[in-house]
Amino acid sequence: MAWDTVFGTVEAGNFGSVQAFMHALFTKITFVLITSIWFVTSRNWWKYAILVPLTMFLFQLSGVVNHQIQFIDEFDFFYSIPVIIPILLLLIFISYRISKRNAIAEALNADANEEVKKLISDDL
């Protein structure tokens, strides 16, 4: 089954109908676009965690576009593990560094507050 459009002919591939193919295609494209916009516009340090679902959505989108794959969304997680593991390790490292710096900053803040209290109270 196929649809003739202005952009060309759209075939259903392994889908039951062209409508099912278009639904799956635009669902995956929507998730990829929304997640990409979220990643690009995020200013938080953990924005790289957004790459994990983005990677999954990209693998799912490639599964929809590739007509040779019989089962969509079935093995995408296993194929995306080599991409997800380094991202997770990077996030764990960043979190560790931030918590370590936070402890140092708290100690410096306590010292600075103590010095300010001494200056204000005239107990030099």
PDB file of N, CA and C in Angstrom:
ATOM      1  N   MET A   1       0.840  -1.166   0.000  1.00  0.00           N
ATOM      2  CA  MET A   1       0.000   0.000   0.000  1.00  0.00           C
ATOM      3  C   MET A   1       0.893   1.239   0.000  1.00  0.00           C
ATOM      4  N   ALA A   2       0.483   2.272  -0.730  1.00  0.00           N
ATOM      5  CA  ALA A   2       1.295   3.482  -0.843  1.00  0.00           C
ATOM      6  C   ALA A   2       0.399   4.704  -0.977  1.00  0.00           C
ATOM      7  N   TRP A   3       0.959   5.825  -0.568  1.00  0.00           N
ATOM      8  CA  TRP A   3       0.295   7.121  -0.740  1.00  0.00           C
ATOM      9  C   TRP A   3       1.106   7.928  -1.740  1.00  0.00           C
ATOM     10  N   ASP A   4       0.443   8.532  -2.702  1.00  0.00           N
ATOM     11  CA  ASP A   4       1.102   9.453  -3.620  1.00  0.00           C
ATOM     12  C   ASP A   4       0.883  10.862  -3.111  1.00  0.00           C
ATOM     13  N   THR A   5       1.987  11.551  -2.792  1.00  0.00           N
ATOM     14  CA  THR A   5       1.912  12.908  -2.258  1.00  0.00           C
ATOM     15  C   THR A   5       2.723  13.842  -3.146  1.00  0.00           C
ATOM     16  N   VAL A   6       2.702  15.110  -2.795  1.00  0.00           N
ATOM     17  CA  VAL A   6       3.489  16.111  -3.512  1.00  0.00           C
ATOM     18  C   VAL A   6       4.977  15.827  -3.340  1.00  0.00           C
ATOM     19  N   PHE A   7       5.357  15.280  -2.191  1.00  0.00           N
ATOM     20  CA  PHE A   7       6.754  15.016  -1.871  1.00  0.00           C
ATOM     21  C   PHE A   7       7.246  13.688  -2.419  1.00  0.00           C
ATOM     22  N   GLY A   8       6.372  12.866  -2.956  1.00  0.00           N
ATOM     23  CA  GLY A   8       6.734  11.560  -3.488  1.00  0.00           C
ATOM     24  C   GLY A   8       5.777  10.498  -2.987  1.00  0.00           C
ATOM     25  N   THR A   9       6.133   9.266  -3.224  1.00  0.00           N
ATOM     26  CA  THR A   9       5.302   8.135  -2.814  1.00  0.00           C
ATOM     27  C   THR A   9       5.760   7.639  -1.448  1.00  0.00           C
ATOM     28  N   VAL A  10       4.818   7.471  -0.534  1.00  0.00           N
ATOM     29  CA  VAL A  10       5.097   6.959   0.801  1.00  0.00           C
ATOM     30  C   VAL A  10       4.570   5.531   0.861  1.00  0.00           C
ATOM     31  N   GLU A  11       5.475   4.606   1.166  1.00  0.00           N
ATOM     32  CA  GLU A  11       5.083   3.201   1.261  1.00  0.00           C
ATOM     33  C   GLU A  11       5.027   2.781   2.724  1.00  0.00           C
ATOM     34  N   ALA A  12       4.201   1.780   2.994  1.00  0.00           N
ATOM     35  CA  ALA A  12       3.978   1.334   4.366  1.00  0.00           C
ATOM     36  C   ALA A  12       5.126   0.487   4.899  1.00  0.00           C
ATOM     37  N   GLY A  13       5.898  -0.131   4.041  1.00  0.00           N
ATOM     38  CA  GLY A  13       6.990  -0.987   4.497  1.00  0.00           C
ATOM     39  C   GLY A  13       6.447  -2.180   5.253  1.00  0.00           C
ATOM     40  N   ASN A  14       6.944  -2.449   6.440  1.00  0.00           N
ATOM     41  CA  ASN A  14       6.484  -3.567   7.260  1.00  0.00           C
ATOM     42  C   ASN A  14       5.266  -3.211   8.100  1.00  0.00           C
ATOM     43  N   PHE A  15       4.779  -1.974   7.974  1.00  0.00           N
ATOM     44  CA  PHE A  15       3.589  -1.566   8.718  1.00  0.00           C
ATOM     45  C   PHE A  15       2.346  -2.065   8.005  1.00  0.00           C
ATOM     46  N   GLY A  16       1.250  -2.166   8.758  1.00  0.00           N
ATOM     47  CA  GLY A  16      -0.005  -2.637   8.188  1.00  0.00           C
ATOM     48  C   GLY A  16      -0.598  -1.670   7.185  1.00  0.00           C
ATOM     49  N   SER A  17      -0.385  -0.384   7.415  1.00  0.00           N
ATOM     50  CA  SER A  17      -0.906   0.627   6.503  1.00  0.00           C
ATOM     51  C   SER A  17       0.016   1.836   6.518  1.00  0.00           C
ATOM     52  N   VAL A  18      -0.173   2.705   5.559  1.00  0.00           N
ATOM     53  CA  VAL A  18       0.623   3.928   5.496  1.00  0.00           C
ATOM     54  C   VAL A  18       0.274   4.826   6.677  1.00  0.00           C
ATOM     55  N   GLN A  19      -0.973   4.799   7.126  1.00  0.00           N
ATOM     56  CA  GLN A  19      -1.365   5.599   8.289  1.00  0.00           C
ATOM     57  C   GLN A  19      -0.589   5.175   9.535  1.00  0.00           C
ATOM     58  N   ALA A  20      -0.437   3.877   9.719  1.00  0.00           N
ATOM     59  CA  ALA A  20       0.326   3.383  10.872  1.00  0.00           C
ATOM     60  C   ALA A  20       1.786   3.812  10.761  1.00  0.00           C
ATOM     61  N   PHE A  21       2.348   3.748   9.552  1.00  0.00           N
ATOM     62  CA  PHE A  21       3.727   4.188   9.343  1.00  0.00           C
ATOM     63  C   PHE A  21       3.879   5.668   9.645  1.00  0.00           C
ATOM     64  N   MET A  22       2.975   6.494   9.121  1.00  0.00           N
ATOM     65  CA  MET A  22       3.052   7.938   9.333  1.00  0.00           C
ATOM     66  C   MET A  22       2.871   8.288  10.812  1.00  0.00           C
ATOM     67  N   HIS A  23       1.976   7.573  11.485  1.00  0.00           N
ATOM     68  CA  HIS A  23       1.777   7.801  12.918  1.00  0.00           C
ATOM     69  C   HIS A  23       3.059   7.513  13.688  1.00  0.00           C
ATOM     70  N   ALA A  24       3.669   6.368  13.422  1.00  0.00           N
ATOM     71  CA  ALA A  24       4.915   6.007  14.114  1.00  0.00           C
ATOM     72  C   ALA A  24       6.026   6.993  13.764  1.00  0.00           C
ATOM     73  N   LEU A  25       6.126   7.379  12.504  1.00  0.00           N
ATOM     74  CA  LEU A  25       7.175   8.301  12.072  1.00  0.00           C
ATOM     75  C   LEU A  25       7.050   9.659  12.741  1.00  0.00           C
ATOM     76  N   PHE A  26       5.859  10.238  12.711  1.00  0.00           N
ATOM     77  CA  PHE A  26       5.700  11.570  13.286  1.00  0.00           C
ATOM     78  C   PHE A  26       5.719  11.559  14.809  1.00  0.00           C
ATOM     79  N   THR A  27       5.343  10.456  15.413  1.00  0.00           N
ATOM     80  CA  THR A  27       5.481  10.341  16.868  1.00  0.00           C
ATOM     81  C   THR A  27       6.955  10.385  17.257  1.00  0.00           C
ATOM     82  N   LYS A  28       7.782   9.613  16.552  1.00  0.00           N
ATOM     83  CA  LYS A  28       9.219   9.592  16.854  1.00  0.00           C
ATOM     84  C   LYS A  28       9.868  10.933  16.534  1.00  0.00           C
ATOM     85  N   ILE A  29       9.496  11.547  15.414  1.00  0.00           N
ATOM     86  CA  ILE A  29      10.057  12.857  15.060  1.00  0.00           C
ATOM     87  C   ILE A  29       9.686  13.899  16.112  1.00  0.00           C
ATOM     88  N   THR A  30       8.445  13.856  16.593  1.00  0.00           N
ATOM     89  CA  THR A  30       8.008  14.805  17.622  1.00  0.00           C
ATOM     90  C   THR A  30       8.844  14.653  18.888  1.00  0.00           C
ATOM     91  N   PHE A  31       9.043  13.420  19.338  1.00  0.00           N
ATOM     92  CA  PHE A  31       9.836  13.199  20.550  1.00  0.00           C
ATOM     93  C   PHE A  31      11.289  13.633  20.351  1.00  0.00           C
ATOM     94  N   VAL A  32      11.854  13.366  19.174  1.00  0.00           N
ATOM     95  CA  VAL A  32      13.231  13.784  18.904  1.00  0.00           C
ATOM     96  C   VAL A  32      13.339  15.307  18.919  1.00  0.00           C
ATOM     97  N   LEU A  33      12.401  15.989  18.289  1.00  0.00           N
ATOM     98  CA  LEU A  33      12.436  17.450  18.246  1.00  0.00           C
ATOM     99  C   LEU A  33      12.270  18.072  19.639  1.00  0.00           C
ATOM    100  N   ILE A  34      11.293  17.590  20.386  1.00  0.00           N
ATOM    101  CA  ILE A  34      11.066  18.143  21.725  1.00  0.00           C
ATOM    102  C   ILE A  34      12.265  17.906  22.635  1.00  0.00           C
ATOM    103  N   THR A  35      12.812  16.707  22.599  1.00  0.00           N
ATOM    104  CA  THR A  35      13.963  16.395  23.446  1.00  0.00           C
ATOM    105  C   THR A  35      15.198  17.183  23.000  1.00  0.00           C
ATOM    106  N   SER A  36      15.367  17.369  21.696  1.00  0.00           N
ATOM    107  CA  SER A  36      16.503  18.151  21.201  1.00  0.00           C
ATOM    108  C   SER A  36      16.393  19.608  21.627  1.00  0.00           C
ATOM    109  N   ILE A  37      15.215  20.169  21.526  1.00  0.00           N
ATOM    110  CA  ILE A  37      15.004  21.559  21.951  1.00  0.00           C
ATOM    111  C   ILE A  37      15.261  21.692  23.444  1.00  0.00           C
ATOM    112  N   TRP A  38      14.799  20.720  24.215  1.00  0.00           N
ATOM    113  CA  TRP A  38      15.034  20.743  25.659  1.00  0.00           C
ATOM    114  C   TRP A  38      16.528  20.705  25.963  1.00  0.00           C
ATOM    115  N   PHE A  39      17.279  19.841  25.259  1.00  0.00           N
ATOM    116  CA  PHE A  39      18.716  19.735  25.488  1.00  0.00           C
ATOM    117  C   PHE A  39      19.426  21.034  25.119  1.00  0.00           C
ATOM    118  N   VAL A  40      19.081  21.600  23.976  1.00  0.00           N
ATOM    119  CA  VAL A  40      19.765  22.806  23.505  1.00  0.00           C
ATOM    120  C   VAL A  40      19.464  24.007  24.394  1.00  0.00           C
ATOM    121  N   THR A  41      18.256  24.107  24.905  1.00  0.00           N
ATOM    122  CA  THR A  41      17.876  25.283  25.690  1.00  0.00           C
ATOM    123  C   THR A  41      18.128  25.134  27.192  1.00  0.00           C
ATOM    124  N   SER A  42      18.477  23.943  27.656  1.00  0.00           N
ATOM    125  CA  SER A  42      18.699  23.725  29.082  1.00  0.00           C
ATOM    126  C   SER A  42      20.023  24.340  29.514  1.00  0.00           C
ATOM    127  N   ARG A  43      20.012  24.976  30.667  1.00  0.00           N
ATOM    128  CA  ARG A  43      21.227  25.581  31.210  1.00  0.00           C
ATOM    129  C   ARG A  43      21.698  24.867  32.473  1.00  0.00           C
ATOM    130  N   ASN A  44      21.051  23.790  32.828  1.00  0.00           N
ATOM    131  CA  ASN A  44      21.417  23.051  34.036  1.00  0.00           C
ATOM    132  C   ASN A  44      22.637  22.174  33.768  1.00  0.00           C
ATOM    133  N   TRP A  45      23.364  21.846  34.827  1.00  0.00           N
ATOM    134  CA  TRP A  45      24.550  21.010  34.667  1.00  0.00           C
ATOM    135  C   TRP A  45      24.180  19.585  34.249  1.00  0.00           C
ATOM    136  N   TRP A  46      22.957  19.161  34.557  1.00  0.00           N
ATOM    137  CA  TRP A  46      22.539  17.790  34.262  1.00  0.00           C
ATOM    138  C   TRP A  46      21.909  17.671  32.883  1.00  0.00           C
ATOM    139  N   LYS A  47      22.073  18.667  32.026  1.00  0.00           N
ATOM    140  CA  LYS A  47      21.434  18.638  30.716  1.00  0.00           C
ATOM    141  C   LYS A  47      21.900  17.456  29.880  1.00  0.00           C
ATOM    142  N   TYR A  48      23.066  16.910  30.171  1.00  0.00           N
ATOM    143  CA  TYR A  48      23.552  15.760  29.398  1.00  0.00           C
ATOM    144  C   TYR A  48      22.755  14.500  29.689  1.00  0.00           C
ATOM    145  N   ALA A  49      22.009  14.494  30.787  1.00  0.00           N
ATOM    146  CA  ALA A  49      21.115  13.365  31.061  1.00  0.00           C
ATOM    147  C   ALA A  49      19.999  13.305  30.034  1.00  0.00           C
ATOM    148  N   ILE A  50      19.685  14.421  29.412  1.00  0.00           N
ATOM    149  CA  ILE A  50      18.649  14.458  28.379  1.00  0.00           C
ATOM    150  C   ILE A  50      19.107  13.678  27.143  1.00  0.00           C
ATOM    151  N   LEU A  51      20.415  13.480  27.004  1.00  0.00           N
ATOM    152  CA  LEU A  51      20.920  12.719  25.859  1.00  0.00           C
ATOM    153  C   LEU A  51      20.516  11.250  25.913  1.00  0.00           C
ATOM    154  N   VAL A  52      20.238  10.737  27.098  1.00  0.00           N
ATOM    155  CA  VAL A  52      19.852   9.322  27.221  1.00  0.00           C
ATOM    156  C   VAL A  52      18.517   9.064  26.513  1.00  0.00           C
ATOM    157  N   PRO A  53      17.427   9.779  26.846  1.00  0.00           N
ATOM    158  CA  PRO A  53      16.196   9.533  26.091  1.00  0.00           C
ATOM    159  C   PRO A  53      16.307   9.985  24.630  1.00  0.00           C
ATOM    160  N   LEU A  54      17.115  11.021  24.368  1.00  0.00           N
ATOM    161  CA  LEU A  54      17.288  11.457  22.982  1.00  0.00           C
ATOM    162  C   LEU A  54      17.927  10.350  22.147  1.00  0.00           C
ATOM    163  N   THR A  55      18.907   9.665  22.725  1.00  0.00           N
ATOM    164  CA  THR A  55      19.537   8.538  22.030  1.00  0.00           C
ATOM    165  C   THR A  55      18.526   7.437  21.753  1.00  0.00           C
ATOM    166  N   MET A  56      17.705   7.135  22.748  1.00  0.00           N
ATOM    167  CA  MET A  56      16.672   6.108  22.552  1.00  0.00           C
ATOM    168  C   MET A  56      15.699   6.517  21.446  1.00  0.00           C
ATOM    169  N   PHE A  57      15.265   7.771  21.449  1.00  0.00           N
ATOM    170  CA  PHE A  57      14.330   8.232  20.418  1.00  0.00           C
ATOM    171  C   PHE A  57      14.964   8.193  19.032  1.00  0.00           C
ATOM    172  N   LEU A  58      16.252   8.508  18.933  1.00  0.00           N
ATOM    173  CA  LEU A  58      16.918   8.451  17.632  1.00  0.00           C
ATOM    174  C   LEU A  58      17.019   7.016  17.120  1.00  0.00           C
ATOM    175  N   PHE A  59      17.326   6.075  18.012  1.00  0.00           N
ATOM    176  CA  PHE A  59      17.357   4.674  17.606  1.00  0.00           C
ATOM    177  C   PHE A  59      15.968   4.195  17.197  1.00  0.00           C
ATOM    178  N   GLN A  60      14.945   4.631  17.915  1.00  0.00           N
ATOM    179  CA  GLN A  60      13.580   4.258  17.554  1.00  0.00           C
ATOM    180  C   GLN A  60      13.183   4.859  16.213  1.00  0.00           C
ATOM    181  N   LEU A  61      13.583   6.102  15.965  1.00  0.00           N
ATOM    182  CA  LEU A  61      13.292   6.743  14.688  1.00  0.00           C
ATOM    183  C   LEU A  61      13.980   6.009  13.545  1.00  0.00           C
ATOM    184  N   SER A  62      15.229   5.598  13.757  1.00  0.00           N
ATOM    185  CA  SER A  62      15.919   4.834  12.711  1.00  0.00           C
ATOM    186  C   SER A  62      15.243   3.494  12.470  1.00  0.00           C
ATOM    187  N   GLY A  63      14.660   2.916  13.518  1.00  0.00           N
ATOM    188  CA  GLY A  63      13.920   1.668  13.347  1.00  0.00           C
ATOM    189  C   GLY A  63      12.643   1.847  12.535  1.00  0.00           C
ATOM    190  N   VAL A  64      12.001   2.990  12.673  1.00  0.00           N
ATOM    191  CA  VAL A  64      10.778   3.267  11.897  1.00  0.00           C
ATOM    192  C   VAL A  64      11.133   3.513  10.434  1.00  0.00           C
ATOM    193  N   VAL A  65      12.204   4.263  10.201  1.00  0.00           N
ATOM    194  CA  VAL A  65      12.585   4.610   8.833  1.00  0.00           C
ATOM    195  C   VAL A  65      13.137   3.404   8.089  1.00  0.00           C
ATOM    196  N   ASN A  66      13.873   2.538   8.785  1.00  0.00           N
ATOM    197  CA  ASN A  66      14.466   1.361   8.157  1.00  0.00           C
ATOM    198  C   ASN A  66      13.396   0.289   7.991  1.00  0.00           C
ATOM    199  N   HIS A  67      12.985   0.042   6.771  1.00  0.00           N
ATOM    200  CA  HIS A  67      11.903  -0.911   6.509  1.00  0.00           C
ATOM    201  C   HIS A  67      12.331  -2.366   6.662  1.00  0.00           C
ATOM    202  N   GLN A  68      13.634  -2.613   6.776  1.00  0.00           N
ATOM    203  CA  GLN A  68      14.105  -3.986   6.885  1.00  0.00           C
ATOM    204  C   GLN A  68      13.957  -4.550   8.289  1.00  0.00           C
ATOM    205  N   ILE A  69      13.768  -3.694   9.265  1.00  0.00           N
ATOM    206  CA  ILE A  69      13.612  -4.139  10.651  1.00  0.00           C
ATOM    207  C   ILE A  69      12.173  -4.591  10.851  1.00  0.00           C
ATOM    208  N   GLN A  70      12.015  -5.802  11.344  1.00  0.00           N
ATOM    209  CA  GLN A  70      10.670  -6.351  11.504  1.00  0.00           C
ATOM    210  C   GLN A  70      10.020  -5.888  12.799  1.00  0.00           C
ATOM    211  N   PHE A  71      10.805  -5.796  13.883  1.00  0.00           N
ATOM    212  CA  PHE A  71      10.254  -5.423  15.181  1.00  0.00           C
ATOM    213  C   PHE A  71      10.804  -4.062  15.580  1.00  0.00           C
ATOM    214  N   ILE A  72       9.919  -3.099  15.748  1.00  0.00           N
ATOM    215  CA  ILE A  72      10.325  -1.741  16.097  1.00  0.00           C
ATOM    216  C   ILE A  72      10.297  -1.596  17.616  1.00  0.00           C
ATOM    217  N   ASP A  73      11.270  -0.879  18.151  1.00  0.00           N
ATOM    218  CA  ASP A  73      11.384  -0.564  19.579  1.00  0.00           C
ATOM    219  C   ASP A  73      11.648  -1.790  20.442  1.00  0.00           C
ATOM    220  N   GLU A  74      12.105  -2.881  19.852  1.00  0.00           N
ATOM    221  CA  GLU A  74      12.308  -4.073  20.662  1.00  0.00           C
ATOM    222  C   GLU A  74      13.739  -4.179  21.188  1.00  0.00           C
ATOM    223  N   PHE A  75      14.732  -3.892  20.348  1.00  0.00           N
ATOM    224  CA  PHE A  75      16.125  -4.044  20.754  1.00  0.00           C
ATOM    225  C   PHE A  75      16.872  -2.719  20.794  1.00  0.00           C
ATOM    226  N   ASP A  76      16.163  -1.617  20.724  1.00  0.00           N
ATOM    227  CA  ASP A  76      16.811  -0.311  20.666  1.00  0.00           C
ATOM    228  C   ASP A  76      17.607  -0.006  21.918  1.00  0.00           C
ATOM    229  N   PHE A  77      17.137  -0.456  23.062  1.00  0.00           N
ATOM    230  CA  PHE A  77      17.848  -0.179  24.313  1.00  0.00           C
ATOM    231  C   PHE A  77      19.237  -0.810  24.285  1.00  0.00           C
ATOM    232  N   PHE A  78      19.341  -2.037  23.802  1.00  0.00           N
ATOM    233  CA  PHE A  78      20.630  -2.723  23.794  1.00  0.00           C
ATOM    234  C   PHE A  78      21.596  -2.077  22.812  1.00  0.00           C
ATOM    235  N   TYR A  79      21.089  -1.550  21.710  1.00  0.00           N
ATOM    236  CA  TYR A  79      21.945  -0.872  20.752  1.00  0.00           C
ATOM    237  C   TYR A  79      22.390   0.496  21.263  1.00  0.00           C
ATOM    238  N   SER A  80      21.607   1.098  22.132  1.00  0.00           N
ATOM    239  CA  SER A  80      21.950   2.433  22.618  1.00  0.00           C
ATOM    240  C   SER A  80      22.824   2.395  23.878  1.00  0.00           C
ATOM    241  N   ILE A  81      23.041   1.236  24.456  1.00  0.00           N
ATOM    242  CA  ILE A  81      23.858   1.137  25.677  1.00  0.00           C
ATOM    243  C   ILE A  81      25.269   1.707  25.478  1.00  0.00           C
ATOM    244  N   PRO A  82      25.966   1.449  24.353  1.00  0.00           N
ATOM    245  CA  PRO A  82      27.298   2.041  24.199  1.00  0.00           C
ATOM    246  C   PRO A  82      27.292   3.574  24.197  1.00  0.00           C
ATOM    247  N   VAL A  83      26.186   4.179  23.875  1.00  0.00           N
ATOM    248  CA  VAL A  83      26.089   5.641  23.916  1.00  0.00           C
ATOM    249  C   VAL A  83      25.679   6.109  25.306  1.00  0.00           C
ATOM    250  N   ILE A  84      24.789   5.361  25.955  1.00  0.00           N
ATOM    251  CA  ILE A  84      24.245   5.770  27.240  1.00  0.00           C
ATOM    252  C   ILE A  84      25.275   5.634  28.371  1.00  0.00           C
ATOM    253  N   ILE A  85      26.068   4.588  28.367  1.00  0.00           N
ATOM    254  CA  ILE A  85      27.028   4.339  29.453  1.00  0.00           C
ATOM    255  C   ILE A  85      28.027   5.495  29.611  1.00  0.00           C
ATOM    256  N   PRO A  86      28.681   5.976  28.544  1.00  0.00           N
ATOM    257  CA  PRO A  86      29.598   7.112  28.746  1.00  0.00           C
ATOM    258  C   PRO A  86      28.890   8.370  29.253  1.00  0.00           C
ATOM    259  N   ILE A  87      27.668   8.604  28.807  1.00  0.00           N
ATOM    260  CA  ILE A  87      26.927   9.775  29.279  1.00  0.00           C
ATOM    261  C   ILE A  87      26.647   9.645  30.771  1.00  0.00           C
ATOM    262  N   LEU A  88      26.226   8.476  31.210  1.00  0.00           N
ATOM    263  CA  LEU A  88      25.958   8.272  32.629  1.00  0.00           C
ATOM    264  C   LEU A  88      27.231   8.402  33.467  1.00  0.00           C
ATOM    265  N   LEU A  89      28.346   7.866  32.968  1.00  0.00           N
ATOM    266  CA  LEU A  89      29.610   8.000  33.701  1.00  0.00           C
ATOM    267  C   LEU A  89      30.030   9.467  33.801  1.00  0.00           C
ATOM    268  N   LEU A  90      29.841  10.215  32.724  1.00  0.00           N
ATOM    269  CA  LEU A  90      30.144  11.641  32.755  1.00  0.00           C
ATOM    270  C   LEU A  90      29.274  12.367  33.779  1.00  0.00           C
ATOM    271  N   LEU A  91      28.003  12.031  33.843  1.00  0.00           N
ATOM    272  CA  LEU A  91      27.099  12.663  34.803  1.00  0.00           C
ATOM    273  C   LEU A  91      27.476  12.321  36.244  1.00  0.00           C
ATOM    274  N   ILE A  92      27.857  11.086  36.474  1.00  0.00           N
ATOM    275  CA  ILE A  92      28.281  10.686  37.818  1.00  0.00           C
ATOM    276  C   ILE A  92      29.541  11.455  38.216  1.00  0.00           C
ATOM    277  N   PHE A  93      30.479  11.595  37.278  1.00  0.00           N
ATOM    278  CA  PHE A  93      31.720  12.345  37.553  1.00  0.00           C
ATOM    279  C   PHE A  93      31.414  13.812  37.837  1.00  0.00           C
ATOM    280  N   ILE A  94      30.562  14.427  37.029  1.00  0.00           N
ATOM    281  CA  ILE A  94      30.206  15.831  37.238  1.00  0.00           C
ATOM    282  C   ILE A  94      29.518  16.017  38.589  1.00  0.00           C
ATOM    283  N   SER A  95      28.616  15.112  38.923  1.00  0.00           N
ATOM    284  CA  SER A  95      27.925  15.194  40.203  1.00  0.00           C
ATOM    285  C   SER A  95      28.905  15.077  41.369  1.00  0.00           C
ATOM    286  N   TYR A  96      29.869  14.185  41.246  1.00  0.00           N
ATOM    287  CA  TYR A  96      30.886  14.018  42.284  1.00  0.00           C
ATOM    288  C   TYR A  96      31.719  15.286  42.441  1.00  0.00           C
ATOM    289  N   ARG A  97      32.132  15.860  41.317  1.00  0.00           N
ATOM    290  CA  ARG A  97      32.937  17.085  41.365  1.00  0.00           C
ATOM    291  C   ARG A  97      32.147  18.253  41.961  1.00  0.00           C
ATOM    292  N   ILE A  98      30.892  18.358  41.619  1.00  0.00           N
ATOM    293  CA  ILE A  98      30.067  19.445  42.158  1.00  0.00           C
ATOM    294  C   ILE A  98      29.875  19.276  43.659  1.00  0.00           C
ATOM    295  N   SER A  99      29.615  18.072  44.107  1.00  0.00           N
ATOM    296  CA  SER A  99      29.424  17.861  45.546  1.00  0.00           C
ATOM    297  C   SER A  99      30.725  18.102  46.303  1.00  0.00           C
ATOM    298  N   LYS A 100      31.853  17.764  45.709  1.00  0.00           N
ATOM    299  CA  LYS A 100      33.137  18.005  46.353  1.00  0.00           C
ATOM    300  C   LYS A 100      33.410  19.506  46.446  1.00  0.00           C
ATOM    301  N   ARG A 101      33.142  20.222  45.370  1.00  0.00           N
ATOM    302  CA  ARG A 101      33.330  21.674  45.385  1.00  0.00           C
ATOM    303  C   ARG A 101      32.350  22.344  46.338  1.00  0.00           C
ATOM    304  N   ASN A 102      31.163  21.788  46.450  1.00  0.00           N
ATOM    305  CA  ASN A 102      30.165  22.348  47.344  1.00  0.00           C
ATOM    306  C   ASN A 102      30.635  22.254  48.795  1.00  0.00           C
ATOM    307  N   ALA A 103      31.264  21.154  49.172  1.00  0.00           N
ATOM    308  CA  ALA A 103      31.776  20.994  50.537  1.00  0.00           C
ATOM    309  C   ALA A 103      32.890  22.004  50.804  1.00  0.00           C
ATOM    310  N   ILE A 104      33.765  22.202  49.831  1.00  0.00           N
ATOM    311  CA  ILE A 104      34.848  23.183  49.984  1.00  0.00           C
ATOM    312  C   ILE A 104      34.265  24.590  50.089  1.00  0.00           C
ATOM    313  N   ALA A 105      33.272  24.879  49.259  1.00  0.00           N
ATOM    314  CA  ALA A 105      32.643  26.203  49.285  1.00  0.00           C
ATOM    315  C   ALA A 105      31.948  26.455  50.617  1.00  0.00           C
ATOM    316  N   GLU A 106      31.310  25.439  51.178  1.00  0.00           N
ATOM    317  CA  GLU A 106      30.648  25.596  52.481  1.00  0.00           C
ATOM    318  C   GLU A 106      31.666  25.875  53.585  1.00  0.00           C
ATOM    319  N   ALA A 107      32.812  25.210  53.517  1.00  0.00           N
ATOM    320  CA  ALA A 107      33.857  25.441  54.524  1.00  0.00           C
ATOM    321  C   ALA A 107      34.404  26.862  54.398  1.00  0.00           C
ATOM    322  N   LEU A 108      34.641  27.315  53.165  1.00  0.00           N
ATOM    323  CA  LEU A 108      35.117  28.684  52.960  1.00  0.00           C
ATOM    324  C   LEU A 108      34.072  29.706  53.390  1.00  0.00           C
ATOM    325  N   ASN A 109      32.816  29.418  53.130  1.00  0.00           N
ATOM    326  CA  ASN A 109      31.730  30.312  53.531  1.00  0.00           C
ATOM    327  C   ASN A 109      31.656  30.417  55.053  1.00  0.00           C
ATOM    328  N   ALA A 110      31.824  29.286  55.742  1.00  0.00           N
ATOM    329  CA  ALA A 110      31.801  29.305  57.207  1.00  0.00           C
ATOM    330  C   ALA A 110      32.961  30.131  57.747  1.00  0.00           C
ATOM    331  N   ASP A 111      34.156  29.972  57.145  1.00  0.00           N
ATOM    332  CA  ASP A 111      35.310  30.774  57.567  1.00  0.00           C
ATOM    333  C   ASP A 111      35.068  32.262  57.322  1.00  0.00           C
ATOM    334  N   ALA A 112      34.514  32.586  56.157  1.00  0.00           N
ATOM    335  CA  ALA A 112      34.241  33.995  55.841  1.00  0.00           C
ATOM    336  C   ALA A 112      33.196  34.565  56.783  1.00  0.00           C
ATOM    337  N   ASN A 113      32.163  33.815  57.104  1.00  0.00           N
ATOM    338  CA  ASN A 113      31.143  34.284  58.046  1.00  0.00           C
ATOM    339  C   ASN A 113      31.735  34.510  59.438  1.00  0.00           C
ATOM    340  N   GLU A 114      32.625  33.642  59.831  1.00  0.00           N
ATOM    341  CA  GLU A 114      33.274  33.788  61.134  1.00  0.00           C
ATOM    342  C   GLU A 114      34.125  35.056  61.175  1.00  0.00           C
ATOM    343  N   GLU A 115      34.846  35.324  60.098  1.00  0.00           N
ATOM    344  CA  GLU A 115      35.655  36.546  60.025  1.00  0.00           C
ATOM    345  C   GLU A 115      34.777  37.796  60.035  1.00  0.00           C
ATOM    346  N   VAL A 116      33.660  37.753  59.327  1.00  0.00           N
ATOM    347  CA  VAL A 116      32.740  38.892  59.297  1.00  0.00           C
ATOM    348  C   VAL A 116      32.166  39.129  60.683  1.00  0.00           C
ATOM    349  N   LYS A 117      31.803  38.070  61.381  1.00  0.00           N
ATOM    350  CA  LYS A 117      31.270  38.219  62.742  1.00  0.00           C
ATOM    351  C   LYS A 117      32.314  38.829  63.676  1.00  0.00           C
ATOM    352  N   LYS A 118      33.580  38.438  63.510  1.00  0.00           N
ATOM    353  CA  LYS A 118      34.650  39.017  64.333  1.00  0.00           C
ATOM    354  C   LYS A 118      34.810  40.500  64.045  1.00  0.00           C
ATOM    355  N   LEU A 119      34.741  40.865  62.763  1.00  0.00           N
ATOM    356  CA  LEU A 119      34.881  42.269  62.387  1.00  0.00           C
ATOM    357  C   LEU A 119      33.721  43.104  62.904  1.00  0.00           C
ATOM    358  N   ILE A 120      32.531  42.562  62.839  1.00  0.00           N
ATOM    359  CA  ILE A 120      31.349  43.306  63.292  1.00  0.00           C
ATOM    360  C   ILE A 120      31.334  43.440  64.809  1.00  0.00           C
ATOM    361  N   SER A 121      31.763  42.413  65.511  1.00  0.00           N
ATOM    362  CA  SER A 121      31.684  42.434  66.972  1.00  0.00           C
ATOM    363  C   SER A 121      32.884  43.120  67.614  1.00  0.00           C
ATOM    364  N   ASP A 122      33.844  43.542  66.843  1.00  0.00           N
ATOM    365  CA  ASP A 122      35.038  44.230  67.367  1.00  0.00           C
ATOM    366  C   ASP A 122      35.852  43.362  68.301  1.00  0.00           C
ATOM    367  N   ASP A 123      35.828  42.063  68.114  1.00  0.00           N
ATOM    368  CA  ASP A 123      36.635  41.142  68.918  1.00  0.00           C
ATOM    369  C   ASP A 123      37.872  40.723  68.137  1.00  0.00           C
ATOM    370  N   LEU A 124      38.631  41.682  67.706  1.00  0.00           N
ATOM    371  CA  LEU A 124      39.826  41.359  66.913  1.00  0.00           C
ATOM    372  C   LEU A 124      40.859  40.918  67.835  1.00  0.00           C
TER     373      LEU A 124
END
